[in-house]
Amino acid sequence: MLSWQTTPLRPVDVPVPSPAPGELLVRVLACGVCRTDLHVVDGDLPVHRPSVVPGHQVVGEVVVASGGFVVGERVGIAWLRHTCGSCRFCLRGAENLCPSSLYTGWDADGGYASYAVVPAAYALRLPTGYSNESLAPLLCAGIIGYRALKRAEVPDGGRLGIYGFGGSAHLAAQVAVARGYEVHVVTRSAAARDLALSLGAASASADVPPVPLDSAVLFAPVGTLVPPALEALDRGGTLAIAGIHLSDVPVLSYERHLFQERQVRSVTANTRADAAEFLSFCASHRLSVAVQPYALSEANLALSDLRVGRVTGAAVLVA
C-alpha cells in the first residue's frame, strides 16, 4: 500500500487488514484518483489520521464477506464509511451532515493498496457492464456530481453551466444531457472542451457561457470563479459548489452577483441514498467514462498529473 507523511507518497509493506465484525475484506482491483486525495496529501484538509492510505473510489472483490455480500462479489468502497444513525441529521435523511461521520482515505485507510476493509452497511453494489477501471470514478466523482446536480436544482429543460471539466464534471454532464438539460461547459483545457462537446454539451468555452444560465455547478476548486459563475446566472438561478475545498472567494457585489434571487449552495459529501440513485441511473443509462490508467506504483505521477491538469477525464490506479 501507499501512505503519506508528506508529499510524495511512499510505499509501505503492512499485513493484510483484518475485518472487524460487520466489515468486508476486499481485494482492490482499481481505485480512482480524486482531487480530494490531493487535498488530503497536500494538506488542504486537516489531518484526521496520520500516514493514512488515500483512495476512496475503490472497486474490489470480496474476500471476507458480511452483511449479505458473498465472497467473489464485486463491490464499491466510497468516501462515506460511517455515520451515527441517531443524530438529528441522520434521522432526517441528511447523513452526509452527521457530525460523527467518517471517511475512507481520510479517517481510515483507503484503496491505494492491495486490500481494504469497509463496513458492509457502507459498501456499494455495482452495476454490471462496466470495467473495473470505469466503475472506480463513479464511486465519488460520479456520486458527488450527481448530488451537485440535485443541489443546483436545474429546472426541466433548463440551461446548466459546468465550470471545470474533469473526472466528476464529465459524468455529471452526461446525467444532465440524459435529463434534457442544455449544458454549457467552461474550462481552460482544449481537450476537455472537445470531450464536453463529444458528450453532448451545447457549448464549451474558455471564458463565459453564451447564454444566461438557470443553474450552474462549480467543479474547479477555484474561488475566483464564483463571482463570474453567479454573474452568468439568470434570475432565480442557483450555483452549486461541488468540492470539499475551495480557495478564497473574492468580495461579491450584491447587485451584480446575488440580487434577483440568485443563490449559492455548497455540497457536503453524499448520502448512501445518493449513491444508490446514481448507480441505479448508471445501470439504466450507459455512461461513457473517460479513464487515464496508472499502475499503483505510479500513484505519485497520477496525483501530479491531476494537480497540473494533465488528466482528461478520470485518473485510475489499476491493480
C-alpha atoms as a PDB file:
ATOM      1  CA  MET A   1       0.000   0.000   0.000  1.00  0.00           C
ATOM      2  CA  LEU A   2       0.953   3.681  -0.240  1.00  0.00           C
ATOM      3  CA  SER A   3       0.711   6.054   2.696  1.00  0.00           C
ATOM      4  CA  TRP A   4       1.900   9.581   3.238  1.00  0.00           C
ATOM      5  CA  GLN A   5       3.559  11.765   5.787  1.00  0.00           C
ATOM      6  CA  THR A   6       4.467  14.483   3.367  1.00  0.00           C
ATOM      7  CA  THR A   7       4.254  14.568  -0.406  1.00  0.00           C
ATOM      8  CA  PRO A   8       5.194  12.374  -2.205  1.00  0.00           C
ATOM      9  CA  LEU A   9       3.510   9.155  -1.149  1.00  0.00           C
ATOM     10  CA  ARG A  10       5.827   6.358  -0.072  1.00  0.00           C
ATOM     11  CA  PRO A  11       5.249   2.587  -0.314  1.00  0.00           C
ATOM     12  CA  VAL A  12       4.760   0.675   2.931  1.00  0.00           C
ATOM     13  CA  ASP A  13       4.549  -3.098   3.493  1.00  0.00           C
ATOM     14  CA  VAL A  14       1.922  -3.961   6.107  1.00  0.00           C
ATOM     15  CA  PRO A  15      -0.121  -7.066   6.919  1.00  0.00           C
ATOM     16  CA  VAL A  16      -3.429  -7.597   5.133  1.00  0.00           C
ATOM     17  CA  PRO A  17      -6.029  -5.793   7.270  1.00  0.00           C
ATOM     18  CA  SER A  18      -8.378  -7.882   9.388  1.00  0.00           C
ATOM     19  CA  PRO A  19     -12.064  -7.010   9.027  1.00  0.00           C
ATOM     20  CA  ALA A  20     -13.995  -6.327  12.227  1.00  0.00           C
ATOM     21  CA  PRO A  21     -17.440  -7.896  12.717  1.00  0.00           C
ATOM     22  CA  GLY A  22     -19.797  -6.425  10.118  1.00  0.00           C
ATOM     23  CA  GLU A  23     -16.967  -5.451   7.770  1.00  0.00           C
ATOM     24  CA  LEU A  24     -15.854  -6.758   4.392  1.00  0.00           C
ATOM     25  CA  LEU A  25     -12.289  -7.511   3.396  1.00  0.00           C
ATOM     26  CA  VAL A  26     -11.875  -6.515  -0.224  1.00  0.00           C
ATOM     27  CA  ARG A  27      -9.078  -7.198  -2.696  1.00  0.00           C
ATOM     28  CA  VAL A  28      -8.587  -3.944  -4.579  1.00  0.00           C
ATOM     29  CA  LEU A  29      -8.998  -4.192  -8.355  1.00  0.00           C
ATOM     30  CA  ALA A  30      -8.957  -0.468  -9.175  1.00  0.00           C
ATOM     31  CA  CYS A  31      -9.036   2.832  -7.307  1.00  0.00           C
ATOM     32  CA  GLY A  32      -9.878   6.217  -8.733  1.00  0.00           C
ATOM     33  CA  VAL A  33      -7.600   9.177  -8.028  1.00  0.00           C
ATOM     34  CA  CYS A  34      -9.747  12.040  -6.782  1.00  0.00           C
ATOM     35  CA  ARG A  35      -8.989  15.711  -6.270  1.00  0.00           C
ATOM     36  CA  THR A  36      -9.948  15.129  -2.627  1.00  0.00           C
ATOM     37  CA  ASP A  37      -6.942  12.780  -2.415  1.00  0.00           C
ATOM     38  CA  LEU A  38      -4.833  15.754  -3.496  1.00  0.00           C
ATOM     39  CA  HIS A  39      -6.391  17.905  -0.774  1.00  0.00           C
ATOM     40  CA  VAL A  40      -5.553  15.211   1.813  1.00  0.00           C
ATOM     41  CA  VAL A  41      -1.983  14.682   0.594  1.00  0.00           C
ATOM     42  CA  ASP A  42      -1.254  18.380   0.052  1.00  0.00           C
ATOM     43  CA  GLY A  43      -2.564  19.360   3.480  1.00  0.00           C
ATOM     44  CA  ASP A  44      -5.517  21.430   2.253  1.00  0.00           C
ATOM     45  CA  LEU A  45      -7.662  19.300   4.570  1.00  0.00           C
ATOM     46  CA  PRO A  46      -6.735  18.825   8.251  1.00  0.00           C
ATOM     47  CA  VAL A  47      -5.062  15.553   9.189  1.00  0.00           C
ATOM     48  CA  HIS A  48      -7.580  13.071  10.576  1.00  0.00           C
ATOM     49  CA  ARG A  49      -5.274  10.050  10.609  1.00  0.00           C
ATOM     50  CA  PRO A  50      -1.500  10.432  10.260  1.00  0.00           C
ATOM     51  CA  SER A  51       0.014   8.444   7.382  1.00  0.00           C
ATOM     52  CA  VAL A  52      -3.399   7.417   6.136  1.00  0.00           C
ATOM     53  CA  VAL A  53      -3.624   5.393   2.919  1.00  0.00           C
ATOM     54  CA  PRO A  54      -5.565   7.593   0.444  1.00  0.00           C
ATOM     55  CA  GLY A  55      -8.168   6.473  -2.050  1.00  0.00           C
ATOM     56  CA  HIS A  56     -11.957   6.351  -1.787  1.00  0.00           C
ATOM     57  CA  GLN A  57     -13.131   5.242  -5.230  1.00  0.00           C
ATOM     58  CA  VAL A  58     -12.404   1.566  -4.718  1.00  0.00           C
ATOM     59  CA  VAL A  59     -13.600  -1.326  -6.854  1.00  0.00           C
ATOM     60  CA  GLY A  60     -12.780  -4.641  -5.268  1.00  0.00           C
ATOM     61  CA  GLU A  61     -13.594  -8.306  -4.917  1.00  0.00           C
ATOM     62  CA  VAL A  62     -14.972  -9.566  -1.596  1.00  0.00           C
ATOM     63  CA  VAL A  63     -12.510 -11.865   0.187  1.00  0.00           C
ATOM     64  CA  VAL A  64     -14.220 -11.995   3.599  1.00  0.00           C
ATOM     65  CA  ALA A  65     -17.977 -11.489   3.394  1.00  0.00           C
ATOM     66  CA  SER A  66     -20.557  -9.940   5.714  1.00  0.00           C
ATOM     67  CA  GLY A  67     -23.902  -8.162   5.588  1.00  0.00           C
ATOM     68  CA  GLY A  68     -25.424 -10.100   2.701  1.00  0.00           C
ATOM     69  CA  PHE A  69     -22.414  -9.813   0.402  1.00  0.00           C
ATOM     70  CA  VAL A  70     -20.732 -13.001  -0.870  1.00  0.00           C
ATOM     71  CA  VAL A  71     -17.123 -13.972  -1.485  1.00  0.00           C
ATOM     72  CA  GLY A  72     -16.094 -13.120  -5.045  1.00  0.00           C
ATOM     73  CA  GLU A  73     -18.701 -10.380  -5.463  1.00  0.00           C
ATOM     74  CA  ARG A  74     -17.525  -7.103  -6.955  1.00  0.00           C
ATOM     75  CA  VAL A  75     -18.275  -4.161  -4.638  1.00  0.00           C
ATOM     76  CA  GLY A  76     -17.524  -0.481  -4.311  1.00  0.00           C
ATOM     77  CA  ILE A  77     -15.994   1.458  -1.436  1.00  0.00           C
ATOM     78  CA  ALA A  78     -16.782   5.162  -1.474  1.00  0.00           C
ATOM     79  CA  TRP A  79     -15.934   8.284   0.537  1.00  0.00           C
ATOM     80  CA  LEU A  80     -18.642   7.964   3.214  1.00  0.00           C
ATOM     81  CA  ARG A  81     -17.926   4.999   5.520  1.00  0.00           C
ATOM     82  CA  HIS A  82     -19.676   5.749   8.836  1.00  0.00           C
ATOM     83  CA  THR A  83     -22.462   7.848  10.317  1.00  0.00           C
ATOM     84  CA  CYS A  84     -24.016   7.629  13.770  1.00  0.00           C
ATOM     85  CA  GLY A  85     -27.577   6.951  12.588  1.00  0.00           C
ATOM     86  CA  SER A  86     -29.096   8.711  15.592  1.00  0.00           C
ATOM     87  CA  CYS A  87     -28.335  12.436  15.347  1.00  0.00           C
ATOM     88  CA  ARG A  88     -30.940  14.878  14.030  1.00  0.00           C
ATOM     89  CA  PHE A  89     -29.231  14.978  10.634  1.00  0.00           C
ATOM     90  CA  CYS A  90     -29.191  11.195  10.199  1.00  0.00           C
ATOM     91  CA  LEU A  91     -32.790  10.927  11.371  1.00  0.00           C
ATOM     92  CA  ARG A  92     -33.975  13.423   8.754  1.00  0.00           C
ATOM     93  CA  GLY A  93     -32.129  11.697   5.898  1.00  0.00           C
ATOM     94  CA  ALA A  94     -29.151  14.063   5.809  1.00  0.00           C
ATOM     95  CA  GLU A  95     -26.492  11.618   6.979  1.00  0.00           C
ATOM     96  CA  ASN A  96     -23.887  13.496   4.918  1.00  0.00           C
ATOM     97  CA  LEU A  97     -24.096  16.215   7.602  1.00  0.00           C
ATOM     98  CA  CYS A  98     -23.632  13.812  10.537  1.00  0.00           C
ATOM     99  CA  PRO A  99     -21.096  15.334  12.983  1.00  0.00           C
ATOM    100  CA  SER A 100     -19.747  11.824  13.665  1.00  0.00           C
ATOM    101  CA  SER A 101     -19.256  10.899  10.014  1.00  0.00           C
ATOM    102  CA  LEU A 102     -16.044   9.139   8.946  1.00  0.00           C
ATOM    103  CA  TYR A 103     -14.457   8.923   5.512  1.00  0.00           C
ATOM    104  CA  THR A 104     -12.410   6.431   3.515  1.00  0.00           C
ATOM    105  CA  GLY A 105      -8.882   7.629   2.798  1.00  0.00           C
ATOM    106  CA  TRP A 106      -9.109  10.350   5.445  1.00  0.00           C
ATOM    107  CA  ASP A 107     -10.261   8.748   8.696  1.00  0.00           C
ATOM    108  CA  ALA A 108      -9.490   5.160   7.635  1.00  0.00           C
ATOM    109  CA  ASP A 109      -7.098   3.580   5.150  1.00  0.00           C
ATOM    110  CA  GLY A 110      -8.318   3.618   1.586  1.00  0.00           C
ATOM    111  CA  GLY A 111      -7.731   1.994  -1.758  1.00  0.00           C
ATOM    112  CA  TYR A 112      -4.167   2.892  -2.725  1.00  0.00           C
ATOM    113  CA  ALA A 113      -3.413  -0.632  -1.561  1.00  0.00           C
ATOM    114  CA  SER A 114      -3.865  -4.299  -2.398  1.00  0.00           C
ATOM    115  CA  TYR A 115      -6.562  -4.839   0.239  1.00  0.00           C
ATOM    116  CA  ALA A 116      -9.053  -2.660   2.103  1.00  0.00           C
ATOM    117  CA  VAL A 117     -11.825  -3.101   4.648  1.00  0.00           C
ATOM    118  CA  VAL A 118     -15.220  -1.399   4.699  1.00  0.00           C
ATOM    119  CA  PRO A 119     -18.323  -1.659   6.887  1.00  0.00           C
ATOM    120  CA  ALA A 120     -20.802  -3.790   4.964  1.00  0.00           C
ATOM    121  CA  ALA A 121     -23.510  -1.171   5.557  1.00  0.00           C
ATOM    122  CA  TYR A 122     -21.468   1.336   3.524  1.00  0.00           C
ATOM    123  CA  ALA A 123     -20.257  -0.972   0.730  1.00  0.00           C
ATOM    124  CA  LEU A 124     -21.951  -0.369  -2.617  1.00  0.00           C
ATOM    125  CA  ARG A 125     -23.428  -2.852  -5.056  1.00  0.00           C
ATOM    126  CA  LEU A 126     -22.206  -2.070  -8.555  1.00  0.00           C
ATOM    127  CA  PRO A 127     -23.949  -2.009 -11.943  1.00  0.00           C
ATOM    128  CA  THR A 128     -22.940  -4.630 -14.488  1.00  0.00           C
ATOM    129  CA  GLY A 129     -21.458  -3.921 -17.890  1.00  0.00           C
ATOM    130  CA  TYR A 130     -18.654  -1.617 -16.733  1.00  0.00           C
ATOM    131  CA  SER A 131     -14.971  -2.465 -16.397  1.00  0.00           C
ATOM    132  CA  ASN A 132     -13.259  -2.123 -13.023  1.00  0.00           C
ATOM    133  CA  GLU A 133     -11.457   0.976 -14.294  1.00  0.00           C
ATOM    134  CA  SER A 134     -14.716   2.571 -15.488  1.00  0.00           C
ATOM    135  CA  LEU A 135     -16.558   1.820 -12.257  1.00  0.00           C
ATOM    136  CA  ALA A 136     -13.983   3.446  -9.977  1.00  0.00           C
ATOM    137  CA  PRO A 137     -14.699   7.113 -10.915  1.00  0.00           C
ATOM    138  CA  LEU A 138     -18.416   6.532 -10.459  1.00  0.00           C
ATOM    139  CA  LEU A 139     -17.877   5.973  -6.729  1.00  0.00           C
ATOM    140  CA  CYS A 140     -17.023   9.569  -5.827  1.00  0.00           C
ATOM    141  CA  ALA A 141     -16.682  11.700  -8.939  1.00  0.00           C
ATOM    142  CA  GLY A 142     -19.972  10.351 -10.227  1.00  0.00           C
ATOM    143  CA  ILE A 143     -21.855  10.362  -6.935  1.00  0.00           C
ATOM    144  CA  ILE A 144     -20.740  13.865  -5.953  1.00  0.00           C
ATOM    145  CA  GLY A 145     -21.550  15.199  -9.408  1.00  0.00           C
ATOM    146  CA  TYR A 146     -24.993  13.656  -9.085  1.00  0.00           C
ATOM    147  CA  ARG A 147     -25.568  15.302  -5.699  1.00  0.00           C
ATOM    148  CA  ALA A 148     -24.277  18.616  -7.058  1.00  0.00           C
ATOM    149  CA  LEU A 149     -26.893  18.441  -9.817  1.00  0.00           C
ATOM    150  CA  LYS A 150     -29.569  17.892  -7.182  1.00  0.00           C
ATOM    151  CA  ARG A 151     -28.293  20.877  -5.210  1.00  0.00           C
ATOM    152  CA  ALA A 152     -28.250  23.031  -8.357  1.00  0.00           C
ATOM    153  CA  GLU A 153     -31.999  22.484  -8.816  1.00  0.00           C
ATOM    154  CA  VAL A 154     -31.952  22.647 -12.601  1.00  0.00           C
ATOM    155  CA  PRO A 155     -35.482  23.284 -13.898  1.00  0.00           C
ATOM    156  CA  ASP A 156     -36.961  20.943 -16.504  1.00  0.00           C
ATOM    157  CA  GLY A 157     -35.334  21.737 -19.834  1.00  0.00           C
ATOM    158  CA  GLY A 158     -33.125  24.307 -18.144  1.00  0.00           C
ATOM    159  CA  ARG A 159     -29.717  25.673 -19.038  1.00  0.00           C
ATOM    160  CA  LEU A 160     -26.904  24.284 -16.889  1.00  0.00           C
ATOM    161  CA  GLY A 161     -23.398  25.705 -16.665  1.00  0.00           C
ATOM    162  CA  ILE A 162     -20.481  23.471 -15.671  1.00  0.00           C
ATOM    163  CA  TYR A 163     -17.228  25.112 -14.563  1.00  0.00           C
ATOM    164  CA  GLY A 164     -14.226  22.797 -14.781  1.00  0.00           C
ATOM    165  CA  PHE A 165     -14.471  19.539 -16.695  1.00  0.00           C
ATOM    166  CA  GLY A 166     -12.592  16.701 -15.043  1.00  0.00           C
ATOM    167  CA  GLY A 167     -13.496  13.317 -13.605  1.00  0.00           C
ATOM    168  CA  SER A 168     -16.689  14.459 -11.858  1.00  0.00           C
ATOM    169  CA  ALA A 169     -17.928  17.007 -14.368  1.00  0.00           C
ATOM    170  CA  HIS A 170     -17.738  14.733 -17.413  1.00  0.00           C
ATOM    171  CA  LEU A 171     -20.041  12.254 -15.644  1.00  0.00           C
ATOM    172  CA  ALA A 172     -22.461  14.890 -14.321  1.00  0.00           C
ATOM    173  CA  ALA A 173     -22.710  16.363 -17.814  1.00  0.00           C
ATOM    174  CA  GLN A 174     -23.946  13.039 -19.168  1.00  0.00           C
ATOM    175  CA  VAL A 175     -26.599  12.794 -16.457  1.00  0.00           C
ATOM    176  CA  ALA A 176     -27.668  16.348 -17.290  1.00  0.00           C
ATOM    177  CA  VAL A 177     -27.869  15.673 -21.033  1.00  0.00           C
ATOM    178  CA  ALA A 178     -29.873  12.487 -20.396  1.00  0.00           C
ATOM    179  CA  ARG A 179     -32.336  14.565 -18.362  1.00  0.00           C
ATOM    180  CA  GLY A 180     -32.808  17.017 -21.199  1.00  0.00           C
ATOM    181  CA  TYR A 181     -30.819  19.937 -19.804  1.00  0.00           C
ATOM    182  CA  GLU A 182     -28.928  22.285 -22.121  1.00  0.00           C
ATOM    183  CA  VAL A 183     -25.325  22.021 -20.923  1.00  0.00           C
ATOM    184  CA  HIS A 184     -22.720  24.770 -21.297  1.00  0.00           C
ATOM    185  CA  VAL A 185     -19.163  23.995 -20.178  1.00  0.00           C
ATOM    186  CA  VAL A 186     -16.464  26.486 -19.175  1.00  0.00           C
ATOM    187  CA  THR A 187     -12.931  25.092 -18.930  1.00  0.00           C
ATOM    188  CA  ARG A 188      -9.425  26.226 -19.879  1.00  0.00           C
ATOM    189  CA  SER A 189      -8.484  22.818 -21.292  1.00  0.00           C
ATOM    190  CA  ALA A 190      -8.944  22.425 -25.036  1.00  0.00           C
ATOM    191  CA  ALA A 191      -9.007  18.639 -24.664  1.00  0.00           C
ATOM    192  CA  ALA A 192     -11.728  18.923 -22.005  1.00  0.00           C
ATOM    193  CA  ARG A 193     -13.750  21.224 -24.255  1.00  0.00           C
ATOM    194  CA  ASP A 194     -13.553  18.658 -27.040  1.00  0.00           C
ATOM    195  CA  LEU A 195     -14.641  15.921 -24.626  1.00  0.00           C
ATOM    196  CA  ALA A 196     -17.571  18.040 -23.416  1.00  0.00           C
ATOM    197  CA  LEU A 197     -18.845  18.581 -26.932  1.00  0.00           C
ATOM    198  CA  SER A 198     -18.477  14.884 -27.750  1.00  0.00           C
ATOM    199  CA  LEU A 199     -20.645  14.063 -24.726  1.00  0.00           C
ATOM    200  CA  GLY A 200     -23.474  16.309 -25.841  1.00  0.00           C
ATOM    201  CA  ALA A 201     -22.715  19.740 -24.380  1.00  0.00           C
ATOM    202  CA  ALA A 202     -24.357  22.591 -26.294  1.00  0.00           C
ATOM    203  CA  SER A 203     -21.238  24.745 -25.928  1.00  0.00           C
ATOM    204  CA  ALA A 204     -17.754  24.613 -24.444  1.00  0.00           C
ATOM    205  CA  SER A 205     -15.701  27.756 -23.947  1.00  0.00           C
ATOM    206  CA  ALA A 206     -12.688  29.017 -22.035  1.00  0.00           C
ATOM    207  CA  ASP A 207     -14.366  32.091 -20.562  1.00  0.00           C
ATOM    208  CA  VAL A 208     -18.126  32.673 -20.321  1.00  0.00           C
ATOM    209  CA  PRO A 209     -21.196  30.693 -21.417  1.00  0.00           C
ATOM    210  CA  PRO A 210     -23.027  32.101 -24.456  1.00  0.00           C
ATOM    211  CA  VAL A 211     -26.461  32.277 -22.760  1.00  0.00           C
ATOM    212  CA  PRO A 212     -27.865  33.129 -19.311  1.00  0.00           C
ATOM    213  CA  LEU A 213     -27.945  30.034 -17.094  1.00  0.00           C
ATOM    214  CA  ASP A 214     -30.709  28.648 -14.909  1.00  0.00           C
ATOM    215  CA  SER A 215     -28.240  26.694 -12.777  1.00  0.00           C
ATOM    216  CA  ALA A 216     -24.530  26.024 -12.561  1.00  0.00           C
ATOM    217  CA  VAL A 217     -22.116  23.658 -10.849  1.00  0.00           C
ATOM    218  CA  LEU A 218     -18.589  24.719  -9.970  1.00  0.00           C
ATOM    219  CA  PHE A 219     -16.289  21.683 -10.008  1.00  0.00           C
ATOM    220  CA  ALA A 220     -12.962  23.534 -10.172  1.00  0.00           C
ATOM    221  CA  PRO A 221     -11.714  24.313  -6.610  1.00  0.00           C
ATOM    222  CA  VAL A 222     -11.139  27.949  -7.579  1.00  0.00           C
ATOM    223  CA  GLY A 223     -12.909  30.581  -5.518  1.00  0.00           C
ATOM    224  CA  THR A 224     -12.277  33.339  -8.074  1.00  0.00           C
ATOM    225  CA  LEU A 225     -14.730  31.566 -10.395  1.00  0.00           C
ATOM    226  CA  VAL A 226     -17.641  32.107  -8.011  1.00  0.00           C
ATOM    227  CA  PRO A 227     -18.361  35.754  -8.997  1.00  0.00           C
ATOM    228  CA  PRO A 228     -18.380  35.150 -12.775  1.00  0.00           C
ATOM    229  CA  ALA A 229     -20.428  31.967 -12.315  1.00  0.00           C
ATOM    230  CA  LEU A 230     -23.017  33.896 -10.309  1.00  0.00           C
ATOM    231  CA  GLU A 231     -22.991  36.741 -12.814  1.00  0.00           C
ATOM    232  CA  ALA A 232     -23.756  34.250 -15.594  1.00  0.00           C
ATOM    233  CA  LEU A 233     -26.910  33.072 -13.831  1.00  0.00           C
ATOM    234  CA  ASP A 234     -30.318  34.266 -14.929  1.00  0.00           C
ATOM    235  CA  ARG A 235     -32.869  35.469 -12.371  1.00  0.00           C
ATOM    236  CA  GLY A 236     -33.554  32.871  -9.708  1.00  0.00           C
ATOM    237  CA  GLY A 237     -30.518  30.808 -10.681  1.00  0.00           C
ATOM    238  CA  THR A 238     -28.572  28.540  -8.352  1.00  0.00           C
ATOM    239  CA  LEU A 239     -24.831  27.895  -8.193  1.00  0.00           C
ATOM    240  CA  ALA A 240     -23.795  24.641  -6.504  1.00  0.00           C
ATOM    241  CA  ILE A 241     -20.156  24.328  -5.428  1.00  0.00           C
ATOM    242  CA  ALA A 242     -19.204  20.658  -5.643  1.00  0.00           C
ATOM    243  CA  GLY A 243     -15.773  20.499  -3.990  1.00  0.00           C
ATOM    244  CA  ILE A 244     -14.735  19.711  -0.427  1.00  0.00           C
ATOM    245  CA  HIS A 245     -12.149  22.511  -0.640  1.00  0.00           C
ATOM    246  CA  LEU A 246     -12.288  25.893  -2.370  1.00  0.00           C
ATOM    247  CA  SER A 247      -9.768  28.700  -2.492  1.00  0.00           C
ATOM    248  CA  ASP A 248     -10.946  32.030  -1.085  1.00  0.00           C
ATOM    249  CA  VAL A 249     -13.932  33.679  -2.756  1.00  0.00           C
ATOM    250  CA  PRO A 250     -13.486  37.359  -3.702  1.00  0.00           C
ATOM    251  CA  VAL A 251     -15.834  40.023  -2.367  1.00  0.00           C
ATOM    252  CA  LEU A 252     -19.244  39.732  -4.023  1.00  0.00           C
ATOM    253  CA  SER A 253     -21.380  42.601  -5.252  1.00  0.00           C
ATOM    254  CA  TYR A 254     -24.960  42.158  -4.081  1.00  0.00           C
ATOM    255  CA  GLU A 255     -26.362  43.832  -7.201  1.00  0.00           C
ATOM    256  CA  ARG A 256     -24.163  42.041  -9.748  1.00  0.00           C
ATOM    257  CA  HIS A 257     -23.920  38.589  -8.203  1.00  0.00           C
ATOM    258  CA  LEU A 258     -26.800  37.873  -5.812  1.00  0.00           C
ATOM    259  CA  PHE A 259     -29.776  40.146  -6.462  1.00  0.00           C
ATOM    260  CA  GLN A 260     -32.797  38.755  -8.351  1.00  0.00           C
ATOM    261  CA  GLU A 261     -32.789  35.739  -6.003  1.00  0.00           C
ATOM    262  CA  ARG A 262     -29.614  34.108  -7.264  1.00  0.00           C
ATOM    263  CA  GLN A 263     -28.156  31.792  -4.661  1.00  0.00           C
ATOM    264  CA  VAL A 264     -25.016  29.830  -3.768  1.00  0.00           C
ATOM    265  CA  ARG A 265     -25.189  26.313  -2.290  1.00  0.00           C
ATOM    266  CA  SER A 266     -22.394  24.057  -1.096  1.00  0.00           C
ATOM    267  CA  VAL A 267     -22.195  20.284  -1.463  1.00  0.00           C
ATOM    268  CA  THR A 268     -21.046  18.221   1.523  1.00  0.00           C
ATOM    269  CA  ALA A 269     -20.213  14.563   0.828  1.00  0.00           C
ATOM    270  CA  ASN A 270     -23.241  12.440  -0.095  1.00  0.00           C
ATOM    271  CA  THR A 271     -25.768  10.097   1.400  1.00  0.00           C
ATOM    272  CA  ARG A 272     -25.997   6.391   0.686  1.00  0.00           C
ATOM    273  CA  ALA A 273     -29.320   7.160  -0.964  1.00  0.00           C
ATOM    274  CA  ASP A 274     -27.481   9.461  -3.416  1.00  0.00           C
ATOM    275  CA  ALA A 275     -25.074   6.624  -4.207  1.00  0.00           C
ATOM    276  CA  ALA A 276     -27.877   4.120  -4.771  1.00  0.00           C
ATOM    277  CA  GLU A 277     -29.796   6.532  -7.008  1.00  0.00           C
ATOM    278  CA  PHE A 278     -26.761   7.363  -9.106  1.00  0.00           C
ATOM    279  CA  LEU A 279     -25.573   3.771  -9.524  1.00  0.00           C
ATOM    280  CA  SER A 280     -29.124   2.780 -10.491  1.00  0.00           C
ATOM    281  CA  PHE A 281     -29.004   5.528 -13.128  1.00  0.00           C
ATOM    282  CA  CYS A 282     -25.689   4.099 -14.371  1.00  0.00           C
ATOM    283  CA  ALA A 283     -27.298   0.677 -14.691  1.00  0.00           C
ATOM    284  CA  SER A 284     -30.065   2.018 -16.932  1.00  0.00           C
ATOM    285  CA  HIS A 285     -28.051   4.673 -18.804  1.00  0.00           C
ATOM    286  CA  ARG A 286     -24.672   3.630 -20.181  1.00  0.00           C
ATOM    287  CA  LEU A 287     -22.214   6.375 -19.251  1.00  0.00           C
ATOM    288  CA  SER A 288     -19.027   6.952 -21.187  1.00  0.00           C
ATOM    289  CA  VAL A 289     -16.256   7.072 -18.574  1.00  0.00           C
ATOM    290  CA  ALA A 290     -13.029   8.694 -19.729  1.00  0.00           C
ATOM    291  CA  VAL A 291     -10.215   6.927 -17.864  1.00  0.00           C
ATOM    292  CA  GLN A 292      -6.480   7.542 -17.719  1.00  0.00           C
ATOM    293  CA  PRO A 293      -4.978   4.380 -16.113  1.00  0.00           C
ATOM    294  CA  TYR A 294      -1.897   4.222 -13.887  1.00  0.00           C
ATOM    295  CA  ALA A 295      -0.225   1.375 -12.014  1.00  0.00           C
ATOM    296  CA  LEU A 296      -0.397   1.577  -8.208  1.00  0.00           C
ATOM    297  CA  SER A 297       3.343   2.280  -8.215  1.00  0.00           C
ATOM    298  CA  GLU A 298       2.581   5.383 -10.336  1.00  0.00           C
ATOM    299  CA  ALA A 299       0.261   6.982  -7.753  1.00  0.00           C
ATOM    300  CA  ASN A 300       2.538   9.985  -7.296  1.00  0.00           C
ATOM    301  CA  LEU A 301       2.587  10.542 -11.051  1.00  0.00           C
ATOM    302  CA  ALA A 302      -1.211  10.316 -11.180  1.00  0.00           C
ATOM    303  CA  LEU A 303      -1.544  12.890  -8.392  1.00  0.00           C
ATOM    304  CA  SER A 304       0.993  15.148 -10.084  1.00  0.00           C
ATOM    305  CA  ASP A 305      -0.802  14.915 -13.426  1.00  0.00           C
ATOM    306  CA  LEU A 306      -4.116  15.688 -11.740  1.00  0.00           C
ATOM    307  CA  ARG A 307      -2.604  18.623  -9.868  1.00  0.00           C
ATOM    308  CA  VAL A 308      -1.386  20.331 -13.051  1.00  0.00           C
ATOM    309  CA  GLY A 309      -4.347  19.422 -15.271  1.00  0.00           C
ATOM    310  CA  ARG A 310      -2.769  16.694 -17.390  1.00  0.00           C
ATOM    311  CA  VAL A 311      -5.657  14.264 -16.813  1.00  0.00           C
ATOM    312  CA  THR A 312      -8.584  14.264 -19.221  1.00  0.00           C
ATOM    313  CA  GLY A 313     -11.497  12.544 -17.530  1.00  0.00           C
ATOM    314  CA  ALA A 314     -10.545  10.435 -14.506  1.00  0.00           C
ATOM    315  CA  ALA A 315      -7.222   9.015 -13.301  1.00  0.00           C
ATOM    316  CA  VAL A 316      -7.468   5.423 -12.035  1.00  0.00           C
ATOM    317  CA  LEU A 317      -4.934   3.203 -10.294  1.00  0.00           C
ATOM    318  CA  VAL A 318      -5.177  -0.337 -11.660  1.00  0.00           C
ATOM    319  CA  ALA A 319      -4.167  -3.389  -9.656  1.00  0.00           C
END
